[in-house]
Protein backbone atom coordinates (compact mmCIF):
# COMPACT_ATOMS: atom_id res chain seq x y z
CA MET A 1 116.37 150.71 105.61
CA GLN A 2 112.88 152.00 104.90
CA GLY A 3 111.81 148.53 103.80
CA ARG A 4 113.20 146.98 106.99
CA SER A 5 111.40 149.60 109.07
CA LEU A 6 108.08 148.92 107.32
CA ALA A 7 108.52 145.19 107.83
CA LYS A 8 109.28 145.74 111.52
CA VAL A 9 106.17 147.92 111.96
CA ALA A 10 104.06 145.29 110.18
CA ARG A 11 105.34 142.64 112.63
CA MET A 12 104.41 144.87 115.55
CA LEU A 13 100.91 145.41 114.21
CA ASP A 14 100.49 141.68 113.54
CA ALA A 15 101.65 140.97 117.10
CA CYS A 16 99.25 143.56 118.50
CA ALA A 17 96.35 141.97 116.59
CA GLN A 18 97.14 138.51 117.93
CA ILE A 19 97.55 139.67 121.51
CA VAL A 20 94.33 141.72 121.73
CA ASP A 21 92.39 138.66 120.57
CA GLU A 22 94.02 136.64 123.35
CA VAL A 23 93.96 139.05 126.30
CA GLY A 24 91.94 142.13 125.27
CA TYR A 25 92.97 145.76 125.01
CA GLU A 26 93.30 146.45 128.73
CA ALA A 27 95.89 143.70 129.23
CA LEU A 28 97.81 144.63 126.08
CA THR A 29 101.25 146.16 126.74
CA THR A 30 104.09 147.41 124.58
CA THR A 31 106.31 144.79 126.24
CA LEU A 32 104.01 142.00 125.05
CA ILE A 33 104.01 143.49 121.56
CA ALA A 34 107.81 143.65 121.49
CA GLU A 35 108.15 140.07 122.71
CA ARG A 36 105.63 138.69 120.20
CA ALA A 37 107.11 140.70 117.31
CA LYS A 38 110.64 139.67 118.37
CA VAL A 39 111.91 143.25 118.49
CA ALA A 40 113.53 145.31 121.23
CA ILE A 41 111.16 147.39 123.31
CA GLY A 42 113.09 150.43 122.09
CA SER A 43 112.05 149.57 118.56
CA VAL A 44 108.39 149.79 119.56
CA TYR A 45 108.93 153.24 121.05
CA GLN A 46 110.86 154.30 117.97
CA PHE A 47 107.57 154.17 116.05
CA PHE A 48 104.83 154.32 118.70
CA PRO A 49 104.64 156.33 121.95
CA ASP A 50 102.28 153.86 123.65
CA LYS A 51 99.98 150.90 123.08
CA ARG A 52 97.10 153.19 122.02
CA ALA A 53 99.18 154.43 119.10
CA VAL A 54 99.91 150.84 118.04
CA VAL A 55 96.20 150.00 118.13
CA ALA A 56 95.38 153.19 116.21
CA ALA A 57 97.84 152.18 113.47
CA LEU A 58 96.38 148.66 113.39
CA THR A 59 92.86 150.06 113.15
CA GLN A 60 93.85 152.36 110.29
CA ARG A 61 95.43 149.40 108.50
CA ASN A 62 92.20 147.45 108.92
CA LEU A 63 90.12 150.37 107.62
CA ASP A 64 92.38 150.76 104.59
CA ALA A 65 92.08 147.02 103.90
CA TYR A 66 88.28 147.16 104.26
CA VAL A 67 87.94 150.06 101.83
CA ARG A 68 90.28 148.33 99.37
CA ARG A 69 88.23 145.16 99.54
CA LEU A 70 85.01 147.08 98.88
CA ASP A 71 86.60 148.99 96.02
CA ASP A 72 87.77 145.75 94.41
CA ARG A 73 84.37 144.08 94.79
CA ILE A 74 82.48 147.04 93.36
CA SER A 75 84.98 147.40 90.51
CA SER A 76 84.45 143.77 89.55
CA GLY A 77 80.92 144.69 88.44
CA GLY A 78 77.70 142.73 88.62
CA MET A 79 75.71 145.39 90.49
CA SER A 80 72.73 146.93 88.72
CA ARG A 81 71.88 149.33 91.55
CA TRP A 82 74.00 151.13 94.11
CA VAL A 83 72.06 149.73 97.07
CA GLU A 84 73.46 146.29 96.27
CA VAL A 85 76.70 147.58 97.81
CA VAL A 86 75.06 146.89 101.19
CA ASN A 87 75.50 143.14 100.78
CA VAL A 88 79.12 143.55 99.71
CA ALA A 89 79.91 145.95 102.55
CA LEU A 90 78.42 143.62 105.14
CA ASP A 91 79.98 140.50 103.61
CA GLU A 92 83.45 142.04 103.82
CA TYR A 93 82.84 143.36 107.34
CA ILE A 94 81.67 139.91 108.46
CA ASP A 95 84.60 138.19 106.78
CA MET A 96 87.04 140.47 108.59
CA HIS A 97 85.36 139.61 111.89
CA ARG A 98 85.89 135.94 111.15
CA ASN A 99 89.34 135.95 109.58
CA VAL A 100 91.36 139.10 110.35
CA PRO A 101 93.26 138.86 113.67
CA GLY A 102 92.33 141.60 116.11
CA PHE A 103 89.35 142.86 114.12
CA ARG A 104 86.63 141.14 116.10
CA THR A 105 88.08 142.58 119.30
CA LEU A 106 88.85 146.10 118.10
CA HIS A 107 86.40 146.60 115.20
CA PHE A 108 87.24 150.08 113.94
CA GLY A 109 88.59 151.27 117.28
CA ASP A 110 85.49 152.03 119.35
CA VAL A 111 86.59 149.67 122.11
CA VAL A 112 89.55 152.00 122.70
CA ASP A 113 88.31 155.47 121.74
CA LEU A 114 85.39 156.75 119.68
CA ASN A 115 87.85 159.16 118.06
CA LEU A 116 90.69 156.74 117.52
CA LEU A 117 90.89 157.22 113.73
CA ASP A 118 90.48 161.00 113.75
CA PRO A 119 90.56 163.31 116.79
CA ASP A 120 87.98 165.60 115.18
CA ARG A 121 85.44 162.95 114.08
CA ASP A 122 84.14 159.75 115.57
CA ASN A 123 85.22 156.49 113.99
CA ASN A 124 81.90 155.84 112.28
CA ALA A 125 82.04 159.27 110.64
CA VAL A 126 85.37 158.28 109.09
CA ILE A 127 83.82 155.07 107.78
CA VAL A 128 80.83 156.98 106.38
CA ASP A 129 83.18 159.37 104.59
CA ASN A 130 84.96 156.45 102.94
CA LEU A 131 81.68 154.81 101.93
CA GLY A 132 80.42 158.09 100.47
CA ARG A 133 83.61 158.46 98.46
CA LEU A 134 83.19 154.96 97.01
CA LEU A 135 79.57 155.64 96.05
CA GLU A 136 80.58 158.89 94.41
CA GLN A 137 83.44 157.25 92.55
CA HIS A 138 81.58 154.18 91.31
CA PHE A 139 77.97 155.35 91.00
CA GLY A 140 78.25 159.12 90.55
CA MET A 141 76.23 159.79 93.69
CA ALA A 142 76.22 163.30 95.12
CA ARG A 143 77.71 163.40 98.60
CA THR A 144 74.87 165.32 100.20
CA ASP A 145 74.11 165.79 103.88
CA ASP A 146 71.09 163.50 103.44
CA LEU A 147 73.26 160.72 102.02
CA ALA A 148 75.80 161.14 104.82
CA PHE A 149 73.02 160.95 107.43
CA ALA A 150 71.51 157.82 105.86
CA LEU A 151 74.91 156.13 105.66
CA SER A 152 75.55 157.07 109.30
CA MET A 153 72.34 155.37 110.37
CA ALA A 154 73.17 152.33 108.23
CA VAL A 155 76.64 152.04 109.76
CA GLU A 156 75.22 152.28 113.29
CA MET A 157 72.64 149.58 112.52
CA ALA A 158 75.22 147.33 110.87
CA ASP A 159 77.62 147.70 113.79
CA ALA A 160 74.97 146.79 116.37
CA LEU A 161 73.51 143.85 114.44
CA VAL A 162 76.87 142.32 113.49
CA LYS A 163 78.02 142.55 117.11
CA ALA A 164 74.80 140.82 118.17
CA ALA A 165 75.32 138.06 115.60
CA PHE A 166 78.81 137.33 116.92
CA ARG A 167 77.60 137.52 120.51
CA TYR A 168 75.06 134.75 119.84
CA ARG A 169 77.45 132.56 117.84
CA ASP A 170 81.23 132.55 117.70
CA ASP A 171 81.16 132.46 113.90
CA GLY A 172 78.23 134.88 113.58
CA ASP A 173 74.54 133.96 113.62
CA GLU A 174 73.57 133.70 109.94
CA ARG A 175 69.92 134.49 110.63
CA ILE A 176 70.81 137.80 112.25
CA LEU A 177 73.39 138.64 109.56
CA SER A 178 70.90 137.93 106.78
CA GLU A 179 68.27 140.04 108.51
CA ALA A 180 70.80 142.86 108.94
CA LYS A 181 71.43 142.99 105.19
CA GLU A 182 67.72 143.15 104.43
CA ILE A 183 66.97 145.80 107.06
CA ILE A 184 69.82 148.09 106.00
CA ARG A 185 69.26 147.62 102.27
CA ASP A 186 65.54 148.42 102.62
CA TYR A 187 66.27 151.43 104.83
CA LEU A 188 68.76 152.96 102.40
CA ASP A 189 66.56 152.23 99.39
CA ARG A 190 63.69 154.15 101.03
CA ARG A 191 65.74 156.86 102.69
CA VAL A 192 68.07 158.04 99.92
CA SER A 193 66.42 160.29 97.37
CA PRO A 194 66.53 159.36 93.67
CA GLY A 195 67.51 162.98 93.08
CA ASP A 196 70.95 162.19 94.51
CA GLY A 197 71.74 160.10 91.46
CA SER A 198 71.51 157.14 93.78
CA HIS A 199 69.42 154.92 91.54
CA SER A 200 71.75 154.99 88.57
CA ALA A 201 71.92 151.52 87.02
CA GLU A 202 75.46 151.95 85.76
CA LYS A 203 78.70 152.95 87.38
CA SER A 204 80.10 156.33 86.44
CA THR A 205 83.08 156.36 84.14
């Protein structure tokens, strides 16, 4: 029964992702989700009180997938310095914009609510926390306030520049995306102190 319930929820989230790309968040309804997922409307309300809750669950699923993808890429090796994670982080973010249904419309939830992922923190703060955890895990970096601030600025810059790239071209303007990587990588390289353990050439074990 649990497996059937998980499969049903996955269908609802998939349906939600497809519909928001077609009509946007404002026109999204639980009825549309139920119809697309081929479930009774009561089944939607069994798991979600309203459409916002469905979108929140979809956004959390996307965040989990993003962090997993970064973790896998970093674990595969080939990075001599931590700042090279910038390219990987942006590559995966861009790929999700291009290929993950609903992501280009919702991103990490800001279109709905700046606190969609956590009522006590804004969405970007949640992303920064996850990035900091990955840097600590793979590069032994201390999760200082300075690092958190620098990552916050990097996330804000990345968000704005990636949105601009996809506003200029449906598949993302490569010139803007390339510039974004360089700007953010240079900023973090200058801003984060070597004393944080941030310039370690090897991953921690």
